[in-house]
Protein backbone atom coordinates (compact mmCIF):
# COMPACT_ATOMS: atom_id res chain seq x y z
CA UNK A 1 106.36 84.49 95.84
CA UNK A 2 104.89 82.75 92.83
CA UNK A 3 105.24 82.27 89.10
CA UNK A 4 101.67 81.95 87.88
CA UNK A 5 100.70 82.90 84.34
CA UNK A 6 97.11 83.91 84.96
CA UNK A 7 95.80 86.70 82.74
CA UNK A 8 94.40 89.79 84.40
CA UNK A 9 90.68 90.34 84.06
CA UNK A 10 91.29 94.03 84.48
CA UNK A 11 93.81 94.59 81.71
CA UNK A 12 91.26 95.83 79.20
CA UNK A 13 89.76 99.27 78.77
CA UNK A 14 88.25 101.06 81.75
CA UNK A 15 84.54 100.67 82.36
CA UNK A 16 82.19 103.56 81.74
CA UNK A 17 81.29 103.55 85.43
CA UNK A 18 83.23 102.26 88.40
CA UNK A 19 81.83 99.21 90.20
CA UNK A 20 81.01 99.24 93.90
CA UNK A 21 84.20 99.90 95.92
CA UNK A 22 86.28 100.37 92.75
CA UNK A 23 88.84 103.16 92.28
CA UNK A 24 87.41 106.28 90.65
CA UNK A 25 90.10 108.93 91.02
CA UNK A 26 93.57 109.88 92.20
CA UNK A 27 96.82 111.29 90.86
CA UNK A 28 97.79 109.37 87.72
CA UNK A 29 94.47 107.53 87.52
CA UNK A 30 92.85 107.40 84.05
CA UNK A 31 89.85 105.11 84.50
CA UNK A 32 86.16 105.69 85.20
CA UNK A 33 85.41 108.67 87.42
CA UNK A 34 81.71 108.00 88.03
CA UNK A 35 80.18 105.10 89.91
CA UNK A 36 77.31 102.69 89.49
CA UNK A 37 73.94 103.63 90.94
CA UNK A 38 73.97 103.94 94.71
CA UNK A 39 77.69 104.68 94.91
CA UNK A 40 79.62 107.95 94.93
CA UNK A 41 83.24 108.73 94.11
CA UNK A 42 84.78 109.73 97.43
CA UNK A 43 88.24 111.07 98.17
CA UNK A 44 90.54 108.92 100.32
CA UNK A 45 93.92 110.52 99.60
CA UNK A 46 95.75 112.17 96.72
CA UNK A 47 96.36 108.84 95.02
CA UNK A 48 93.05 107.15 95.55
CA UNK A 49 89.31 107.89 95.43
CA UNK A 50 86.78 105.08 95.70
CA UNK A 51 83.18 104.23 94.76
CA UNK A 52 81.54 104.08 98.17
CA UNK A 53 77.85 103.99 99.14
CA UNK A 54 76.36 107.43 98.54
CA UNK A 55 74.03 109.57 96.50
CA UNK A 56 74.38 110.73 92.92
CA UNK A 57 74.75 114.30 94.12
CA UNK A 58 77.84 113.32 96.12
CA UNK A 59 79.23 111.56 93.08
CA UNK A 60 78.93 114.66 90.96
CA UNK A 61 80.69 116.73 93.58
CA UNK A 62 83.68 114.43 93.84
CA UNK A 63 84.39 113.04 90.38
CA UNK A 64 86.77 115.90 89.68
CA UNK A 65 89.23 114.26 92.07
CA UNK A 66 90.53 112.11 89.24
CA UNK A 67 92.31 115.06 87.65
CA UNK A 68 92.25 117.89 90.16
CA UNK A 69 94.73 118.67 92.91
CA UNK A 70 94.02 118.28 96.58
CA UNK A 71 93.73 122.05 96.98
CA UNK A 72 90.51 122.02 94.97
CA UNK A 73 88.85 119.03 96.61
CA UNK A 74 86.60 118.60 99.59
CA UNK A 75 88.45 118.08 102.86
CA UNK A 76 89.25 114.40 103.45
CA UNK A 77 87.40 114.36 106.77
CA UNK A 78 84.17 115.01 104.90
CA UNK A 79 84.53 112.06 102.55
CA UNK A 80 86.41 109.20 104.24
CA UNK A 81 84.03 106.55 105.58
CA UNK A 82 84.25 104.90 108.97
CA UNK A 83 85.92 101.88 107.37
CA UNK A 84 89.01 103.89 106.41
CA UNK A 85 92.09 103.92 108.62
CA UNK A 86 95.54 102.48 109.11
CA UNK A 87 95.88 98.74 108.84
CA UNK A 88 96.30 96.56 111.93
CA UNK A 89 99.42 94.90 110.55
CA UNK A 90 102.07 96.15 108.16
CA UNK A 91 105.32 94.32 107.67
CA UNK A 92 107.91 92.40 105.69
CA UNK A 93 108.31 88.75 104.69
CA UNK A 94 111.51 87.06 105.87
CA UNK A 95 112.70 84.53 103.31
CA UNK A 96 115.83 82.38 103.51
CA UNK A 97 115.11 79.33 105.73
CA UNK A 98 113.15 77.75 102.86
CA UNK A 99 115.97 78.19 100.32
CA UNK A 100 117.62 75.13 98.72
CA UNK A 101 114.37 73.33 97.93
CA UNK A 102 116.25 70.62 95.98
CA UNK A 103 118.45 69.75 98.96
CA UNK A 104 116.89 68.08 101.98
CA UNK A 105 117.74 68.32 104.72
CA UNK A 106 120.43 70.54 103.24
CA UNK A 107 123.34 72.27 104.91
CA UNK A 108 122.92 75.36 107.06
CA UNK A 109 124.95 78.23 105.60
CA UNK A 110 125.12 76.60 102.17
CA UNK A 111 121.61 75.57 101.13
CA UNK A 112 119.59 77.65 103.60
CA UNK A 113 120.01 80.16 106.37
CA UNK A 114 117.84 82.04 108.87
CA UNK A 115 116.77 85.69 108.86
CA UNK A 116 119.00 88.39 110.30
CA UNK A 117 117.77 89.57 113.69
CA UNK A 118 119.75 92.78 113.18
CA UNK A 119 117.80 93.56 110.00
CA UNK A 120 114.51 92.61 111.65
CA UNK A 121 115.39 94.87 114.58
CA UNK A 122 115.91 97.78 112.19
CA UNK A 123 112.49 97.17 110.63
CA UNK A 124 110.79 96.90 114.02
CA UNK A 125 112.38 100.20 115.06
CA UNK A 126 110.82 101.77 111.94
CA UNK A 127 107.34 100.67 113.01
CA UNK A 128 106.80 97.44 111.05
CA UNK A 129 104.86 95.12 113.33
CA UNK A 130 104.49 91.78 111.53
CA UNK A 131 106.97 89.42 109.88
CA UNK A 132 106.15 86.28 107.90
CA UNK A 133 108.91 83.74 108.44
CA UNK A 134 109.17 81.27 105.58
CA UNK A 135 110.41 77.76 106.38
CA UNK A 136 110.57 74.32 104.78
CA UNK A 137 108.11 71.62 105.88
CA UNK A 138 110.65 68.97 104.89
CA UNK A 139 113.31 70.41 107.18
CA UNK A 140 111.02 71.02 110.13
CA UNK A 141 109.21 67.67 109.93
CA UNK A 142 111.36 65.36 107.77
CA UNK A 143 110.43 62.22 105.84
CA UNK A 144 106.80 61.88 106.94
CA UNK A 145 104.14 64.43 107.84
CA UNK A 146 103.43 62.46 110.99
CA UNK A 147 107.04 62.53 112.24
CA UNK A 148 108.41 64.63 115.09
CA UNK A 149 110.09 67.96 114.47
CA UNK A 150 113.82 68.11 113.73
CA UNK A 151 115.44 69.59 116.82
CA UNK A 152 118.12 71.84 115.27
CA UNK A 153 115.88 73.39 112.63
CA UNK A 154 113.11 73.94 115.17
CA UNK A 155 115.55 75.65 117.56
CA UNK A 156 116.71 78.06 114.86
CA UNK A 157 113.15 78.79 113.72
CA UNK A 158 112.05 79.32 117.32
CA UNK A 159 114.94 81.71 117.96
CA UNK A 160 113.90 83.84 114.97
CA UNK A 161 110.25 83.83 116.02
CA UNK A 162 111.09 84.65 119.64
CA UNK A 163 113.24 87.60 118.59
CA UNK A 164 110.35 89.04 116.63
CA UNK A 165 107.71 88.51 119.29
CA UNK A 166 109.89 89.54 122.25
CA UNK A 167 110.49 92.85 120.48
CA UNK A 168 106.81 93.67 120.20
CA UNK A 169 105.91 92.38 116.73
CA UNK A 170 104.00 89.35 115.50
CA UNK A 171 105.53 86.40 113.66
CA UNK A 172 103.72 84.40 110.98
CA UNK A 173 104.86 80.80 110.63
CA UNK A 174 104.87 80.22 106.86
CA UNK A 175 105.43 76.66 105.57
CA UNK A 176 106.55 77.83 102.14
CA UNK A 177 105.59 74.67 100.29
CA UNK A 178 102.92 75.53 97.68
CA UNK A 179 100.70 72.69 98.90
CA UNK A 180 103.53 70.18 98.24
CA UNK A 181 105.70 67.93 100.40
CA UNK A 182 108.91 66.63 98.80
CA UNK A 183 107.55 67.99 95.53
CA UNK A 184 104.28 66.06 95.61
CA UNK A 185 100.82 67.54 96.13
CA UNK A 186 99.71 66.92 99.71
CA UNK A 187 96.68 64.63 99.55
CA UNK A 188 96.99 63.13 103.05
CA UNK A 189 94.60 65.42 104.89
CA UNK A 190 95.09 63.62 108.21
CA UNK A 191 98.86 63.75 107.79
CA UNK A 192 98.65 67.48 107.12
CA UNK A 193 96.68 67.84 110.34
CA UNK A 194 99.37 65.87 112.17
CA UNK A 195 102.04 68.20 110.80
CA UNK A 196 100.12 71.20 112.09
CA UNK A 197 99.57 69.59 115.49
CA UNK A 198 103.37 69.25 115.78
CA UNK A 199 103.97 72.87 114.80
CA UNK A 200 101.18 74.30 116.94
CA UNK A 201 102.27 72.33 119.98
CA UNK A 202 105.74 73.88 119.70
CA UNK A 203 104.40 77.45 119.48
CA UNK A 204 101.06 77.40 121.32
CA UNK A 205 102.39 79.30 124.31
CA UNK A 206 103.44 82.31 122.21
CA UNK A 207 100.39 84.55 121.81
CA UNK A 208 102.14 86.67 119.16
CA UNK A 209 102.58 83.78 116.73
CA UNK A 210 100.27 83.46 113.73
CA UNK A 211 99.84 80.19 111.81
CA UNK A 212 99.79 80.37 107.97
CA UNK A 213 98.29 77.12 106.67
CA UNK A 214 100.55 76.82 103.59
CA UNK A 215 102.12 79.12 101.04
CA UNK A 216 100.34 79.42 97.69
CA UNK A 217 98.44 76.25 96.98
CA UNK A 218 98.23 75.93 93.21
CA UNK A 219 96.93 73.60 90.49
CA UNK A 220 95.11 71.52 93.10
CA UNK A 221 91.60 70.19 93.50
CA UNK A 222 89.59 72.98 95.09
CA UNK A 223 87.86 70.69 97.59
CA UNK A 224 91.28 69.38 98.63
CA UNK A 225 92.44 72.94 99.33
CA UNK A 226 89.35 73.46 101.48
CA UNK A 227 89.93 70.22 103.37
CA UNK A 228 93.63 70.86 103.96
CA UNK A 229 92.90 74.32 105.33
CA UNK A 230 90.18 72.99 107.64
CA UNK A 231 92.44 70.17 108.84
CA UNK A 232 95.12 72.73 109.71
CA UNK A 233 92.64 74.89 111.63
CA UNK A 234 91.25 71.90 113.53
CA UNK A 235 94.72 70.59 114.38
CA UNK A 236 96.02 73.95 115.56
CA UNK A 237 93.05 74.50 117.85
CA UNK A 238 93.13 70.87 118.96
CA UNK A 239 96.77 71.25 120.00
CA UNK A 240 95.76 73.97 122.45
CA UNK A 241 96.75 77.01 120.36
CA UNK A 242 93.46 78.79 120.95
CA UNK A 243 94.43 82.47 121.14
CA UNK A 244 96.49 82.92 117.97
CA UNK A 245 95.29 84.00 114.54
CA UNK A 246 95.26 81.53 111.67
CA UNK A 247 95.84 82.69 108.08
CA UNK A 248 94.28 80.47 105.40
CA UNK A 249 95.62 80.62 101.85
CA UNK A 250 93.89 79.65 98.64
CA UNK A 251 94.40 77.90 95.32
CA UNK A 252 95.82 79.59 92.21
CA UNK A 253 98.83 80.85 94.19
CA UNK A 254 96.43 82.52 96.65
CA UNK A 255 96.08 85.38 94.15
CA UNK A 256 93.82 88.23 95.17
CA UNK A 257 93.03 88.95 91.50
CA UNK A 258 91.38 85.54 91.01
CA UNK A 259 90.19 84.89 94.56
CA UNK A 260 86.49 85.59 94.00
CA UNK A 261 86.38 83.28 90.95
CA UNK A 262 88.65 80.53 92.27
CA UNK A 263 88.40 80.23 96.04
CA UNK A 264 84.72 80.81 96.74
CA UNK A 265 84.33 77.51 98.62
CA UNK A 266 86.83 78.65 101.25
CA UNK A 267 84.09 80.83 102.72
CA UNK A 268 82.95 77.56 104.35
CA UNK A 269 86.05 77.36 106.57
CA UNK A 270 85.25 77.51 110.27
CA UNK A 271 87.35 78.48 113.27
CA UNK A 272 85.84 77.96 116.73
CA UNK A 273 87.94 80.86 118.05
CA UNK A 274 86.78 83.30 115.37
CA UNK A 275 90.35 84.35 114.50
CA UNK A 276 90.54 83.23 110.89
CA UNK A 277 92.01 85.61 108.29
CA UNK A 278 92.20 84.91 104.55
CA UNK A 279 95.70 85.49 103.19
CA UNK A 280 96.03 86.59 99.57
CA UNK A 281 99.05 87.61 97.50
CA UNK A 282 99.29 90.17 94.74
CA UNK A 283 102.04 91.27 92.37
CA UNK A 284 101.67 93.99 89.77
CA UNK A 285 103.65 92.76 86.77
CA UNK A 286 101.96 91.54 83.59
CA UNK A 287 101.45 87.90 84.61
CA UNK A 288 101.19 88.52 88.34
CA UNK A 289 104.21 86.33 89.02
CA UNK A 290 106.35 88.88 90.85
CA UNK A 291 109.30 88.33 88.53
CA UNK A 292 109.48 91.69 86.77
CA UNK A 293 110.33 95.20 87.93
CA UNK A 294 107.65 96.56 85.59
CA UNK A 295 104.07 97.21 86.71
CA UNK A 296 101.20 97.06 84.21
CA UNK A 297 99.90 100.54 85.03
CA UNK A 298 99.61 103.05 87.84
CA UNK A 299 96.13 101.69 88.66
CA UNK A 300 96.90 97.98 88.59
CA UNK A 301 97.33 97.64 92.36
CA UNK A 302 93.72 98.59 93.02
CA UNK A 303 92.34 96.82 89.97
CA UNK A 304 93.78 93.49 91.03
CA UNK A 305 92.39 93.46 94.59
CA UNK A 306 88.98 95.12 94.27
CA UNK A 307 87.22 91.81 93.51
CA UNK A 308 88.76 90.27 96.63
CA UNK A 309 87.61 93.26 98.67
CA UNK A 310 84.06 92.67 97.50
CA UNK A 311 84.32 88.94 98.28
CA UNK A 312 85.51 89.58 101.83
CA UNK A 313 82.74 92.08 102.51
CA UNK A 314 80.01 89.99 100.93
CA UNK A 315 81.04 86.93 102.95
CA UNK A 316 81.73 88.75 106.23
CA UNK A 317 85.42 87.73 106.22
CA UNK A 318 88.74 89.37 107.07
CA UNK A 319 91.74 89.39 104.74
CA UNK A 320 95.42 90.26 104.55
CA UNK A 321 97.77 90.72 101.61
CA UNK A 322 100.53 88.36 102.67
CA UNK A 323 102.80 89.23 99.73
CA UNK A 324 102.99 92.28 97.49
CA UNK A 325 105.77 94.13 95.71
CA UNK A 326 106.65 96.27 92.71
CA UNK A 327 109.78 97.45 90.98
CA UNK A 328 111.81 100.46 92.06
CA UNK A 329 110.32 102.92 89.57
CA UNK A 330 107.72 105.70 89.49
CA UNK A 331 104.94 103.71 87.80
CA UNK A 332 105.16 100.89 90.33
CA UNK A 333 105.38 103.38 93.19
CA UNK A 334 102.09 104.97 92.19
CA UNK A 335 100.50 101.53 91.81
CA UNK A 336 101.78 100.49 95.25
CA UNK A 337 100.48 103.72 96.79
CA UNK A 338 97.08 103.07 95.24
CA UNK A 339 97.02 99.49 96.51
CA UNK A 340 97.86 100.50 100.08
CA UNK A 341 95.33 103.33 99.96
CA UNK A 342 92.65 100.88 98.83
CA UNK A 343 93.44 98.50 101.69
CA UNK A 344 93.35 101.34 104.20
CA UNK A 345 90.10 102.68 102.78
CA UNK A 346 88.63 99.21 103.30
CA UNK A 347 90.20 98.41 106.65
CA UNK A 348 86.91 96.96 107.82
CA UNK A 349 87.82 93.85 105.78
CA UNK A 350 91.57 94.21 105.16
CA UNK A 351 93.75 93.69 108.24
CA UNK A 352 97.20 94.28 106.79
CA UNK A 353 99.88 93.75 104.16
CA UNK A 354 103.44 92.42 103.95
CA UNK A 355 106.11 93.24 101.38
CA UNK A 356 107.97 90.41 99.65
CA UNK A 357 110.73 90.10 100.82
CA UNK A 358 113.56 90.61 103.26
CA UNK A 359 116.33 88.15 103.99
CA UNK A 360 120.14 88.11 104.07
CA UNK A 361 120.67 86.15 100.84
CA UNK A 362 118.65 88.25 98.40
CA UNK A 363 121.57 90.34 97.11
CA UNK A 364 120.45 92.68 94.32
CA UNK A 365 117.00 91.04 93.94
CA UNK A 366 114.55 93.58 92.48
CA UNK A 367 112.20 93.47 95.52
CA UNK A 368 114.77 93.00 98.30
CA UNK A 369 113.73 94.80 101.47
CA UNK A 370 116.78 93.84 103.49
CA UNK A 371 118.32 96.79 105.38
CA UNK A 372 120.44 98.67 104.69
CA UNK A 373 121.10 98.15 100.97
CA UNK A 374 118.24 96.09 99.48
CA UNK A 375 116.95 97.53 96.20
CA UNK A 376 113.36 97.93 97.42
CA UNK A 377 114.42 98.95 100.92
CA UNK A 378 116.33 101.93 99.56
CA UNK A 379 113.49 102.92 97.22
CA UNK A 380 110.37 102.14 99.25
CA UNK A 381 111.29 102.29 102.93
CA UNK A 382 110.13 105.88 103.47
CA UNK A 383 106.82 105.14 101.74
CA UNK A 384 106.06 101.87 103.48
CA UNK A 385 107.04 102.82 107.02
CA UNK A 386 104.68 105.80 106.78
CA UNK A 387 101.85 103.23 106.68
CA UNK A 388 103.05 101.25 109.69
CA UNK A 389 100.42 101.14 112.50
């Protein structure tokens, strides 16, 4: 979850032709319906058609998908490429253990809490297979990055993680700190590595754990972000956690919509185990902060991630949308459907997506996905669980 005020590069008028891998059709879509040379507009589903490699003749045959109904289009099996398919991971963030950021260590039950295993169990039974568990670096490793873990907080975090993994899903460990420790930008690269050695040592025996380097670095030196990520990777592997995935986040709140112009140097990250995934976040409101129930347009979901899709493919990398959400209304629903369809159509580079957020203290929060009564859970559950692997 973030509060950035970055302007969208896609908010202007639609281009005359869609770029490579851009959206070019679908119910409610009003942008370009033809593609640049060498690409054809191909049907993926009712809400999304995409500029994929193909001939001009194919383009002409499929551009009507932007306004026509499915009954008049070519059968999907004739147009979906081999990259299309369900995502490997689809799940829900779990946010509450990081609450009370002005109170350290804070009081359990007053300043912070831990996710509800009952709610997580409901989501697992619906097919969701990955959960990102937010926690506070200051509570897990207090006072200094090089200190030992705090026993009580680690026990509670471990219990949550074990419940998820013992019930067949994967758990992402998410230090929800924005590249800060006690409010200050982390500049101690070695200390950051020591922190990750402590965390990885505690969870290295659980093959279904995933390590998320840090939530939403922002307003930081770009080389520092690169070095912190690499230090985390090296420390995790050095601690003996050699089978788990590592998710690396980027600067500018890890935004997908600015990734290819902000985080290009992160292509240099290396993982000796070859299990590195780039985690990006994307909200659909006007400033991309995830603070409004309004989405810019029905196409904004695709428009804000297409540049990241191109970056991943061009650099031979894998990505995941670690946070996304939209308000409980028809315009956002169409935008969310388009976003998911785009990820599935490009599942050669996109591994998954997670909604922000579930957790027992969200109340009537506009994006709450906490069963049984969260605002987004009631509105979006049927849609999202249909995309579960």
